[in-house]
Structures are given as C-alpha cells and as structure tokens.
Amino acid sequence: MTAVAGTRRFPIRPVALGLAFLVGAMGLLVVGWFAWAALQPKPAGFAPGGGGGVTNPGQPSNGVQYTVDARSRKDWVYFSFRQGTTVATSRDSLDWDLAFRRTDLLTNSGNTNPRGQGGALDLQKVPLAGAIVPDGGYLPDTTHEDRGLENPALHKWYSYNWTTHIITSKEHTYAVRTATGEVVLLTFISYYCDDGSSGCITFRYTWPANRSPNLQP
C-alpha cells in the first residue's frame, strides 16, 4: 500500500513544473508588454505658449498655433482668442473663450458661465483651411452627472490608446463661438509638452475669411 501511495503522488511534480512554466511565461509576457508600451513614441510635443506664426484676423492662412499648459489636475487655464494667449481671469468673466484642464475643455457658455455666448460644434474630419462656419448648432456647456462641467462637442476631441496609454487628436475641426459670439475654426494638434510630459494642448485656429473679430455679434 505504501508503494502504491507513492506512485500516486509522483505525477504531481510535472504538474507543478507545468504551472510554474505557465506563470513564468505569463510574467515575461506582461513585462514585455509594459516594455513595448513604454518604448512607443509619443506624438510631437510643444513648449507652452509656443507655436507657429501669427496671422491677422480675417485673413485666410494655416492659422495661429498655440500651446496651453493644462497639466494641472485642479486649476483651469483660460485662453482668449482676441488676445491670442492665456489670460488670468475668472470663470464668470467674459475675458476668456476656452478653458483647459488636462483633456477637459470648456467654452464660455451654458452652465459654465450663463453670461457667455460661447459654444462649440464638431465639424468632423474636415481640413481646417476648407471648413465653413455654420450658421447654428453650437452646443453650450452642460453638467454631466459623472464628469461635471463639459462641452458636449469638445468632450472627445482626442483618442486614447489603452495599449500604449497615448492620447492623440482625432484631427477634427471645430467651430468655436467665443464669449462675445464671434466664431473661430480650430483643430487640435498634440497633447504633449516639449519635455515629453502630457497635458500641453497644442491647437491651431483661424478667423474665417468671411468673419472678423471686430464685427459685433
């Protein structure tokens, strides 16, 4: 009986070895996956405040490029199209047109600031230079049950790769209405800073040739 019992226990060893091999292979696979994801190149990054050449409002061109430092997870950064730069102001002011915080964007409108005439409309994947200003359809800011304040048209301006954890622009063009009711056309370029960190949103915008920021809304 002792010999029989011993022979019954003997097959456990190859089973244990097989499990150990499987666990080791899975560990190597996970490590390899993380290493591969870490080595994937990120999109081009830009220094905050930097960008391409400036164009005069109302003149057709490739547009004005600007990079907003939106790395804070707490504070909103406000941008004015009229001034062509970020501004120190408050949410209830009419001195700003777009607000940035990481991937989140707000317009000066709706639940964000009822006094603002802002809004946005997704024109889908059309070239910035060929986009036409719509007469209507601009969406104001709303309050989402889970995400809080947001603009529905700008909420998903980016794509997120769950494998590499890299954020890229969808390359859509948006019609953005300013706090005073003027309209600019805009597309997003990058979410990365010049040092490789995330949270620097680079976008290019243009005042359409048939509109001028000097016109009254």
Protein backbone atom coordinates (compact mmCIF):
# COMPACT_ATOMS: atom_id res chain seq x y z
CA MET A 1 0.00 0.00 0.00
CA THR A 2 2.90 2.32 0.71
CA ALA A 3 4.34 1.76 -2.73
CA VAL A 4 1.01 2.40 -4.39
CA ALA A 5 0.53 5.62 -2.46
CA GLY A 6 3.95 6.78 -3.54
CA THR A 7 3.24 6.17 -7.20
CA ARG A 8 0.05 8.18 -6.93
CA ARG A 9 1.88 11.21 -5.55
CA PHE A 10 4.62 11.11 -8.17
CA PRO A 11 2.65 12.78 -11.09
CA ILE A 12 2.26 15.95 -9.02
CA ARG A 13 5.80 17.04 -9.89
CA PRO A 14 5.28 17.51 -13.67
CA VAL A 15 2.00 19.32 -12.97
CA ALA A 16 3.79 21.75 -10.65
CA LEU A 17 6.54 22.28 -13.19
CA GLY A 18 3.97 22.96 -15.88
CA LEU A 19 2.20 25.54 -13.71
CA ALA A 20 5.49 27.21 -12.85
CA PHE A 21 6.38 27.40 -16.54
CA LEU A 22 2.99 28.87 -17.38
CA VAL A 23 3.24 31.50 -14.64
CA GLY A 24 6.77 32.39 -15.74
CA ALA A 25 5.72 32.72 -19.37
CA MET A 26 2.82 34.96 -18.40
CA GLY A 27 5.13 37.10 -16.30
CA LEU A 28 7.55 37.51 -19.18
CA LEU A 29 4.64 38.39 -21.46
CA VAL A 30 3.40 41.10 -19.08
CA VAL A 31 6.90 42.54 -18.62
CA GLY A 32 7.42 42.51 -22.37
CA TRP A 33 4.10 44.24 -22.96
CA PHE A 34 4.92 47.03 -20.49
CA ALA A 35 8.38 47.45 -22.03
CA TRP A 36 6.89 47.62 -25.53
CA ALA A 37 4.27 50.17 -24.45
CA ALA A 38 6.90 52.33 -22.74
CA LEU A 39 9.05 52.38 -25.87
CA GLN A 40 6.25 53.52 -28.19
CA PRO A 41 6.97 57.04 -29.49
CA LYS A 42 4.65 59.79 -28.32
CA PRO A 43 3.30 62.46 -30.68
CA ALA A 44 5.38 65.60 -31.09
CA GLY A 45 5.39 67.86 -28.05
CA PHE A 46 5.44 71.65 -27.84
CA ALA A 47 6.55 74.21 -25.28
CA PRO A 48 3.68 76.06 -23.57
CA GLY A 49 2.94 79.39 -25.21
CA GLY A 50 4.96 78.49 -28.29
CA GLY A 51 3.76 77.72 -31.77
CA GLY A 52 3.63 78.82 -35.35
CA GLY A 53 3.42 82.24 -36.89
CA VAL A 54 0.60 84.64 -36.15
CA THR A 55 -1.87 85.69 -38.79
CA ASN A 56 -4.18 88.70 -38.95
CA PRO A 57 -7.84 88.05 -38.11
CA GLY A 58 -9.97 87.57 -41.19
CA GLN A 59 -7.04 86.59 -43.41
CA PRO A 60 -7.02 83.04 -44.80
CA SER A 61 -3.89 81.10 -43.82
CA ASN A 62 -2.79 78.00 -41.98
CA GLY A 63 -3.87 79.72 -38.80
CA VAL A 64 -2.37 80.58 -35.45
CA GLN A 65 -0.85 77.81 -33.37
CA TYR A 66 -0.71 77.97 -29.58
CA THR A 67 0.17 75.59 -26.73
CA VAL A 68 -1.66 75.79 -23.41
CA ASP A 69 -0.06 74.37 -20.27
CA ALA A 70 -3.01 72.37 -18.93
CA ARG A 71 -1.00 69.97 -16.76
CA SER A 72 -2.79 70.91 -13.52
CA ARG A 73 -5.46 68.45 -12.43
CA LYS A 74 -7.10 71.13 -10.29
CA ASP A 75 -6.86 74.56 -11.91
CA TRP A 76 -8.46 75.68 -15.18
CA VAL A 77 -6.35 77.67 -17.66
CA TYR A 78 -8.23 80.30 -19.68
CA PHE A 79 -7.49 81.30 -23.27
CA SER A 80 -8.68 84.37 -25.19
CA PHE A 81 -8.83 84.29 -28.99
CA ARG A 82 -8.86 88.08 -29.18
CA GLN A 83 -5.64 88.34 -27.19
CA GLY A 84 -4.14 85.19 -28.68
CA THR A 85 -2.86 83.95 -25.31
CA THR A 86 -3.84 82.58 -21.94
CA VAL A 87 -5.31 85.11 -19.52
CA ALA A 88 -5.58 85.43 -15.74
CA THR A 89 -9.30 85.72 -15.13
CA SER A 90 -12.28 84.01 -13.50
CA ARG A 91 -14.91 81.63 -14.85
CA ASP A 92 -17.72 84.19 -14.62
CA SER A 93 -15.81 86.73 -16.73
CA LEU A 94 -16.24 87.37 -20.47
CA ASP A 95 -12.47 87.80 -20.94
CA TRP A 96 -11.89 84.17 -21.99
CA ASP A 97 -13.19 81.82 -24.68
CA LEU A 98 -11.78 78.34 -23.94
CA ALA A 99 -10.79 76.79 -20.60
CA PHE A 100 -8.36 73.86 -20.34
CA ARG A 101 -7.61 71.30 -17.62
CA ARG A 102 -5.81 68.16 -18.78
CA THR A 103 -8.03 66.73 -21.54
CA ASP A 104 -11.11 68.66 -20.36
CA LEU A 105 -12.29 71.77 -22.23
CA LEU A 106 -14.98 74.35 -21.54
CA THR A 107 -16.44 77.21 -23.54
CA ASN A 108 -17.68 80.46 -22.04
CA SER A 109 -21.33 79.44 -22.09
CA GLY A 110 -24.18 77.50 -20.54
CA ASN A 111 -23.65 76.03 -17.10
CA THR A 112 -20.03 77.22 -17.05
CA ASN A 113 -20.99 80.88 -17.42
CA PRO A 114 -24.58 81.77 -18.37
CA ARG A 115 -23.41 85.28 -19.35
CA GLY A 116 -21.16 83.98 -22.12
CA GLN A 117 -22.29 83.46 -25.72
CA GLY A 118 -19.79 80.67 -26.35
CA GLY A 119 -20.36 77.19 -27.67
CA ALA A 120 -18.83 74.60 -29.99
CA LEU A 121 -19.74 72.40 -32.92
CA ASP A 122 -17.83 69.36 -34.17
CA LEU A 123 -17.37 69.65 -37.94
CA GLN A 124 -15.84 66.19 -38.06
CA LYS A 125 -12.69 65.36 -40.05
CA VAL A 126 -12.51 68.24 -42.50
CA PRO A 127 -9.38 70.31 -43.17
CA LEU A 128 -9.12 73.49 -41.14
CA ALA A 129 -8.49 75.57 -44.28
CA GLY A 130 -11.59 74.20 -46.01
CA ALA A 131 -14.05 74.36 -43.11
CA ILE A 132 -17.10 76.61 -43.34
CA VAL A 133 -18.60 78.46 -40.41
CA PRO A 134 -22.06 77.03 -39.62
CA ASP A 135 -24.97 79.36 -39.00
CA GLY A 136 -26.16 77.43 -35.96
CA GLY A 137 -25.96 74.22 -33.98
CA TYR A 138 -23.41 75.38 -31.41
CA LEU A 139 -23.61 73.43 -28.15
CA PRO A 140 -23.30 75.28 -24.83
CA ASP A 141 -21.62 73.81 -21.75
CA THR A 142 -23.62 71.37 -19.67
CA THR A 143 -23.14 69.50 -16.40
CA HIS A 144 -22.63 65.76 -16.78
CA GLU A 145 -23.79 63.57 -13.89
CA ASP A 146 -20.35 61.95 -13.50
CA ARG A 147 -17.87 64.19 -15.29
CA GLY A 148 -19.17 67.57 -14.15
CA LEU A 149 -18.92 70.64 -16.39
CA GLU A 150 -18.15 69.92 -20.04
CA ASN A 151 -18.90 70.97 -23.58
CA PRO A 152 -20.50 68.01 -25.41
CA ALA A 153 -18.92 68.93 -28.74
CA LEU A 154 -15.38 69.10 -27.31
CA HIS A 155 -15.58 66.32 -24.74
CA LYS A 156 -13.98 63.68 -27.00
CA TRP A 157 -11.57 65.73 -29.11
CA TYR A 158 -8.96 63.00 -28.61
CA SER A 159 -8.44 59.25 -28.92
CA TYR A 160 -6.93 57.21 -26.09
CA ASN A 161 -4.92 54.07 -26.83
CA TRP A 162 -5.46 51.62 -23.95
CA THR A 163 -2.40 49.61 -25.00
CA THR A 164 0.17 52.41 -25.17
CA HIS A 165 -1.72 54.95 -22.98
CA ILE A 166 -1.03 57.59 -25.62
CA ILE A 167 -3.51 60.38 -26.38
CA THR A 168 -3.79 61.63 -29.94
CA SER A 169 -6.01 64.20 -31.62
CA LYS A 170 -8.94 62.92 -33.66
CA GLU A 171 -7.94 65.64 -36.16
CA HIS A 172 -11.45 67.01 -36.29
CA THR A 173 -12.13 70.67 -36.96
CA TYR A 174 -14.39 72.54 -34.58
CA ALA A 175 -16.33 75.77 -34.91
CA VAL A 176 -15.92 77.55 -31.59
CA ARG A 177 -18.05 80.51 -30.65
CA THR A 178 -16.35 82.99 -28.36
CA ALA A 179 -17.71 84.60 -25.20
CA THR A 180 -18.95 87.54 -27.28
CA GLY A 181 -20.48 85.49 -30.10
CA GLU A 182 -17.71 85.57 -32.72
CA VAL A 183 -16.60 82.33 -34.36
CA VAL A 184 -13.20 80.74 -34.94
CA LEU A 185 -12.30 77.44 -36.56
CA LEU A 186 -9.99 75.19 -34.58
CA THR A 187 -8.21 71.85 -34.70
CA PHE A 188 -6.10 70.09 -32.07
CA ILE A 189 -2.50 69.12 -32.80
CA SER A 190 -0.98 67.49 -29.72
CA TYR A 191 -1.43 66.71 -26.03
CA TYR A 192 2.27 66.58 -25.14
CA CYS A 193 4.86 69.06 -23.90
CA ASP A 194 8.32 69.57 -25.34
CA ASP A 195 9.82 67.60 -22.39
CA GLY A 196 7.65 64.56 -23.18
CA SER A 197 5.18 65.05 -20.34
CA SER A 198 1.43 65.14 -21.01
CA GLY A 199 -1.02 68.00 -20.53
CA CYS A 200 0.22 70.60 -23.02
CA ILE A 201 -2.61 71.05 -25.52
CA THR A 202 -1.49 72.47 -28.85
CA PHE A 203 -4.17 73.71 -31.22
CA ARG A 204 -4.35 75.69 -34.45
CA TYR A 205 -7.11 78.16 -35.15
CA THR A 206 -8.12 80.71 -37.74
CA TRP A 207 -10.60 83.54 -38.07
CA PRO A 208 -12.57 82.62 -41.20
CA ALA A 209 -12.10 84.98 -44.14
CA ASN A 210 -15.79 85.94 -44.09
CA ARG A 211 -15.76 86.83 -40.39
CA SER A 212 -13.81 89.33 -38.33
CA PRO A 213 -13.37 89.65 -34.56
CA ASN A 214 -14.22 93.35 -34.99
CA LEU A 215 -17.78 92.53 -36.08
CA GLN A 216 -20.47 92.82 -33.46
CA PRO A 217 -22.29 89.52 -32.74
